[in-house]
Amino acid sequence: DGRKHIVIGRTPAEVAKSPWSDAVLVGNTLYLSGYIGVDAHNQVPKSAEEETRLAMEELKHTVEAAGMSMDDIVKIDVLCTDLSLFPPFNSVYRTYFKNGFPARTFTGSSQLLLGAHFEITGVAIKAGK
């Protein structure tokens, strides 16, 4: 059906246990799963800025593995457990885009996996395909 499932940095055993792909590429459109900012030990950092950076780096890594760049992202959705973290999130988030920002929602959520404060999903479209 033309879909390419993108899985990055997980062992085959981890992939077998996980009922999701990191992203799915359909034609020139990349649908990105939810990314949370955790360190190498699956721990959420104490600072909102570091948590944001880790989540954005994972998202960026997946986008690039699909042959795209952050500038190909057209839509971002952010779930956040503490809306007072909007300013520190934005201070990091804005550094990842060079040619304007994608459309975005920033929505409150009562709880996220692993105690994360943010979960980021998105859609990227590769122009010219």
C-alpha atoms as a PDB file:
ATOM      1  CA  ASP A   1       0.000   0.000   0.000  1.00  0.00           C
ATOM      2  CA  GLY A   2       3.042   2.291  -0.256  1.00  0.00           C
ATOM      3  CA  ARG A   3       3.511   2.773   3.488  1.00  0.00           C
ATOM      4  CA  LYS A   4       6.992   2.742   4.951  1.00  0.00           C
ATOM      5  CA  HIS A   5       7.150   2.135   8.699  1.00  0.00           C
ATOM      6  CA  ILE A   6      10.133   3.888  10.273  1.00  0.00           C
ATOM      7  CA  VAL A   7      11.565   2.475  13.484  1.00  0.00           C
ATOM      8  CA  ILE A   8      14.741   3.981  14.923  1.00  0.00           C
ATOM      9  CA  GLY A   9      17.047   2.956  17.753  1.00  0.00           C
ATOM     10  CA  ARG A  10      15.018   0.054  19.101  1.00  0.00           C
ATOM     11  CA  THR A  11      16.090  -3.567  19.123  1.00  0.00           C
ATOM     12  CA  PRO A  12      13.963  -6.149  17.280  1.00  0.00           C
ATOM     13  CA  ALA A  13      12.735  -7.400  20.683  1.00  0.00           C
ATOM     14  CA  GLU A  14      11.679  -3.879  21.696  1.00  0.00           C
ATOM     15  CA  VAL A  15       9.941  -3.372  18.356  1.00  0.00           C
ATOM     16  CA  ALA A  16       8.095  -6.687  18.754  1.00  0.00           C
ATOM     17  CA  LYS A  17       6.750  -5.536  22.155  1.00  0.00           C
ATOM     18  CA  SER A  18       5.802  -2.045  20.939  1.00  0.00           C
ATOM     19  CA  PRO A  19       2.515  -1.663  19.054  1.00  0.00           C
ATOM     20  CA  TRP A  20       3.665   1.424  17.086  1.00  0.00           C
ATOM     21  CA  SER A  21       6.191   2.748  14.570  1.00  0.00           C
ATOM     22  CA  ASP A  22       8.227   5.868  15.264  1.00  0.00           C
ATOM     23  CA  ALA A  23       6.768   7.275  12.057  1.00  0.00           C
ATOM     24  CA  VAL A  24       4.902   6.151   8.958  1.00  0.00           C
ATOM     25  CA  LEU A  25       5.759   7.540   5.542  1.00  0.00           C
ATOM     26  CA  VAL A  26       2.905   7.514   3.008  1.00  0.00           C
ATOM     27  CA  GLY A  27       3.931   9.005  -0.316  1.00  0.00           C
ATOM     28  CA  ASN A  28       5.547  12.325   0.586  1.00  0.00           C
ATOM     29  CA  THR A  29       3.806  12.645   3.978  1.00  0.00           C
ATOM     30  CA  LEU A  30       5.438  11.560   7.242  1.00  0.00           C
ATOM     31  CA  TYR A  31       3.235  10.950  10.283  1.00  0.00           C
ATOM     32  CA  LEU A  32       5.302  11.185  13.478  1.00  0.00           C
ATOM     33  CA  SER A  33       4.384   9.306  16.651  1.00  0.00           C
ATOM     34  CA  GLY A  34       4.514  10.889  20.089  1.00  0.00           C
ATOM     35  CA  TYR A  35       7.960  11.842  21.393  1.00  0.00           C
ATOM     36  CA  ILE A  36       8.748  12.448  25.050  1.00  0.00           C
ATOM     37  CA  GLY A  37      12.025  13.783  26.419  1.00  0.00           C
ATOM     38  CA  VAL A  38      13.796  11.093  28.394  1.00  0.00           C
ATOM     39  CA  ASP A  39      17.480  10.410  28.969  1.00  0.00           C
ATOM     40  CA  ALA A  40      19.397   7.192  28.211  1.00  0.00           C
ATOM     41  CA  HIS A  41      17.946   5.637  31.399  1.00  0.00           C
ATOM     42  CA  ASN A  42      14.331   6.461  30.425  1.00  0.00           C
ATOM     43  CA  GLN A  43      14.220   9.189  33.061  1.00  0.00           C
ATOM     44  CA  VAL A  44      12.579  12.572  32.572  1.00  0.00           C
ATOM     45  CA  PRO A  45      15.102  15.387  33.217  1.00  0.00           C
ATOM     46  CA  LYS A  46      14.407  17.891  35.983  1.00  0.00           C
ATOM     47  CA  SER A  47      14.429  20.924  33.659  1.00  0.00           C
ATOM     48  CA  ALA A  48      11.643  21.567  31.168  1.00  0.00           C
ATOM     49  CA  GLU A  49      14.219  22.899  28.714  1.00  0.00           C
ATOM     50  CA  GLU A  50      16.246  19.671  28.746  1.00  0.00           C
ATOM     51  CA  GLU A  51      13.101  17.559  28.473  1.00  0.00           C
ATOM     52  CA  THR A  52      12.018  19.606  25.458  1.00  0.00           C
ATOM     53  CA  ARG A  53      15.454  19.336  23.861  1.00  0.00           C
ATOM     54  CA  LEU A  54      15.516  15.544  24.235  1.00  0.00           C
ATOM     55  CA  ALA A  55      12.038  15.167  22.731  1.00  0.00           C
ATOM     56  CA  MET A  56      12.836  17.510  19.843  1.00  0.00           C
ATOM     57  CA  GLU A  57      16.117  15.691  19.124  1.00  0.00           C
ATOM     58  CA  GLU A  58      14.258  12.372  18.874  1.00  0.00           C
ATOM     59  CA  LEU A  59      11.662  13.915  16.571  1.00  0.00           C
ATOM     60  CA  LYS A  60      14.415  15.497  14.443  1.00  0.00           C
ATOM     61  CA  HIS A  61      16.304  12.200  14.249  1.00  0.00           C
ATOM     62  CA  THR A  62      13.204  10.437  12.929  1.00  0.00           C
ATOM     63  CA  VAL A  63      12.415  13.184  10.405  1.00  0.00           C
ATOM     64  CA  GLU A  64      15.980  13.030   9.085  1.00  0.00           C
ATOM     65  CA  ALA A  65      15.895   9.202   8.907  1.00  0.00           C
ATOM     66  CA  ALA A  66      12.934   9.602   6.550  1.00  0.00           C
ATOM     67  CA  GLY A  67      15.026  11.859   4.282  1.00  0.00           C
ATOM     68  CA  MET A  68      13.390  15.080   5.412  1.00  0.00           C
ATOM     69  CA  SER A  69      14.341  18.096   7.495  1.00  0.00           C
ATOM     70  CA  MET A  70      12.665  19.981  10.304  1.00  0.00           C
ATOM     71  CA  ASP A  71      11.583  22.561   7.722  1.00  0.00           C
ATOM     72  CA  ASP A  72       9.394  19.859   6.132  1.00  0.00           C
ATOM     73  CA  ILE A  73       7.243  19.687   9.282  1.00  0.00           C
ATOM     74  CA  VAL A  74       3.885  21.344   8.661  1.00  0.00           C
ATOM     75  CA  LYS A  75       1.993  20.484  11.867  1.00  0.00           C
ATOM     76  CA  ILE A  76       3.014  19.876  15.478  1.00  0.00           C
ATOM     77  CA  ASP A  77       0.778  18.852  18.370  1.00  0.00           C
ATOM     78  CA  VAL A  78       2.057  19.157  21.932  1.00  0.00           C
ATOM     79  CA  LEU A  79       0.440  17.612  24.995  1.00  0.00           C
ATOM     80  CA  CYS A  80       1.575  19.206  28.254  1.00  0.00           C
ATOM     81  CA  THR A  81       0.836  18.289  31.868  1.00  0.00           C
ATOM     82  CA  ASP A  82       1.661  21.768  33.214  1.00  0.00           C
ATOM     83  CA  LEU A  83       0.712  24.725  31.045  1.00  0.00           C
ATOM     84  CA  SER A  84       2.989  27.008  33.079  1.00  0.00           C
ATOM     85  CA  LEU A  85       5.847  25.260  31.204  1.00  0.00           C
ATOM     86  CA  PHE A  86       4.764  26.944  27.948  1.00  0.00           C
ATOM     87  CA  PRO A  87       7.581  29.577  28.049  1.00  0.00           C
ATOM     88  CA  PRO A  88      10.501  27.173  28.724  1.00  0.00           C
ATOM     89  CA  PHE A  89       9.141  24.758  26.117  1.00  0.00           C
ATOM     90  CA  ASN A  90       8.995  27.541  23.529  1.00  0.00           C
ATOM     91  CA  SER A  91      12.501  28.789  24.321  1.00  0.00           C
ATOM     92  CA  VAL A  92      13.911  25.444  23.133  1.00  0.00           C
ATOM     93  CA  TYR A  93      11.292  24.576  20.497  1.00  0.00           C
ATOM     94  CA  ARG A  94      11.886  27.751  18.480  1.00  0.00           C
ATOM     95  CA  THR A  95      15.580  26.850  17.935  1.00  0.00           C
ATOM     96  CA  TYR A  96      14.640  23.829  15.796  1.00  0.00           C
ATOM     97  CA  PHE A  97      13.059  25.764  12.916  1.00  0.00           C
ATOM     98  CA  LYS A  98      14.921  28.023  10.482  1.00  0.00           C
ATOM     99  CA  ASN A  99      12.312  28.922   7.852  1.00  0.00           C
ATOM    100  CA  GLY A 100       9.185  29.685   9.851  1.00  0.00           C
ATOM    101  CA  PHE A 101       7.213  27.563  12.265  1.00  0.00           C
ATOM    102  CA  PRO A 102       4.766  24.755  11.546  1.00  0.00           C
ATOM    103  CA  ALA A 103       1.137  25.080  12.582  1.00  0.00           C
ATOM    104  CA  ARG A 104       0.896  23.958  16.216  1.00  0.00           C
ATOM    105  CA  THR A 105      -1.418  23.136  19.065  1.00  0.00           C
ATOM    106  CA  PHE A 106      -0.343  23.134  22.726  1.00  0.00           C
ATOM    107  CA  THR A 107      -2.922  21.261  24.785  1.00  0.00           C
ATOM    108  CA  GLY A 108      -3.176  20.448  28.469  1.00  0.00           C
ATOM    109  CA  SER A 109      -3.128  16.803  29.530  1.00  0.00           C
ATOM    110  CA  SER A 110      -3.515  15.349  33.002  1.00  0.00           C
ATOM    111  CA  GLN A 111      -0.809  12.685  32.648  1.00  0.00           C
ATOM    112  CA  LEU A 112       1.793  11.343  30.191  1.00  0.00           C
ATOM    113  CA  LEU A 113       3.899   8.176  30.115  1.00  0.00           C
ATOM    114  CA  LEU A 114       6.954   7.998  32.386  1.00  0.00           C
ATOM    115  CA  GLY A 115       5.881  11.200  34.122  1.00  0.00           C
ATOM    116  CA  ALA A 116       6.834  13.323  31.115  1.00  0.00           C
ATOM    117  CA  HIS A 117       5.587  16.903  30.924  1.00  0.00           C
ATOM    118  CA  PHE A 118       5.462  16.998  27.104  1.00  0.00           C
ATOM    119  CA  GLU A 119       4.563  14.682  24.243  1.00  0.00           C
ATOM    120  CA  ILE A 120       5.143  15.930  20.703  1.00  0.00           C
ATOM    121  CA  THR A 121       3.598  14.543  17.520  1.00  0.00           C
ATOM    122  CA  GLY A 122       3.725  15.917  14.011  1.00  0.00           C
ATOM    123  CA  VAL A 123       3.254  15.689  10.280  1.00  0.00           C
ATOM    124  CA  ALA A 124       5.944  16.466   7.707  1.00  0.00           C
ATOM    125  CA  ILE A 125       5.499  16.784   3.955  1.00  0.00           C
ATOM    126  CA  LYS A 126       8.421  16.560   1.555  1.00  0.00           C
ATOM    127  CA  ALA A 127       7.898  19.138  -1.167  1.00  0.00           C
ATOM    128  CA  GLY A 128       8.581  18.229  -4.773  1.00  0.00           C
ATOM    129  CA  LYS A 129       7.725  14.531  -4.676  1.00  0.00           C
END
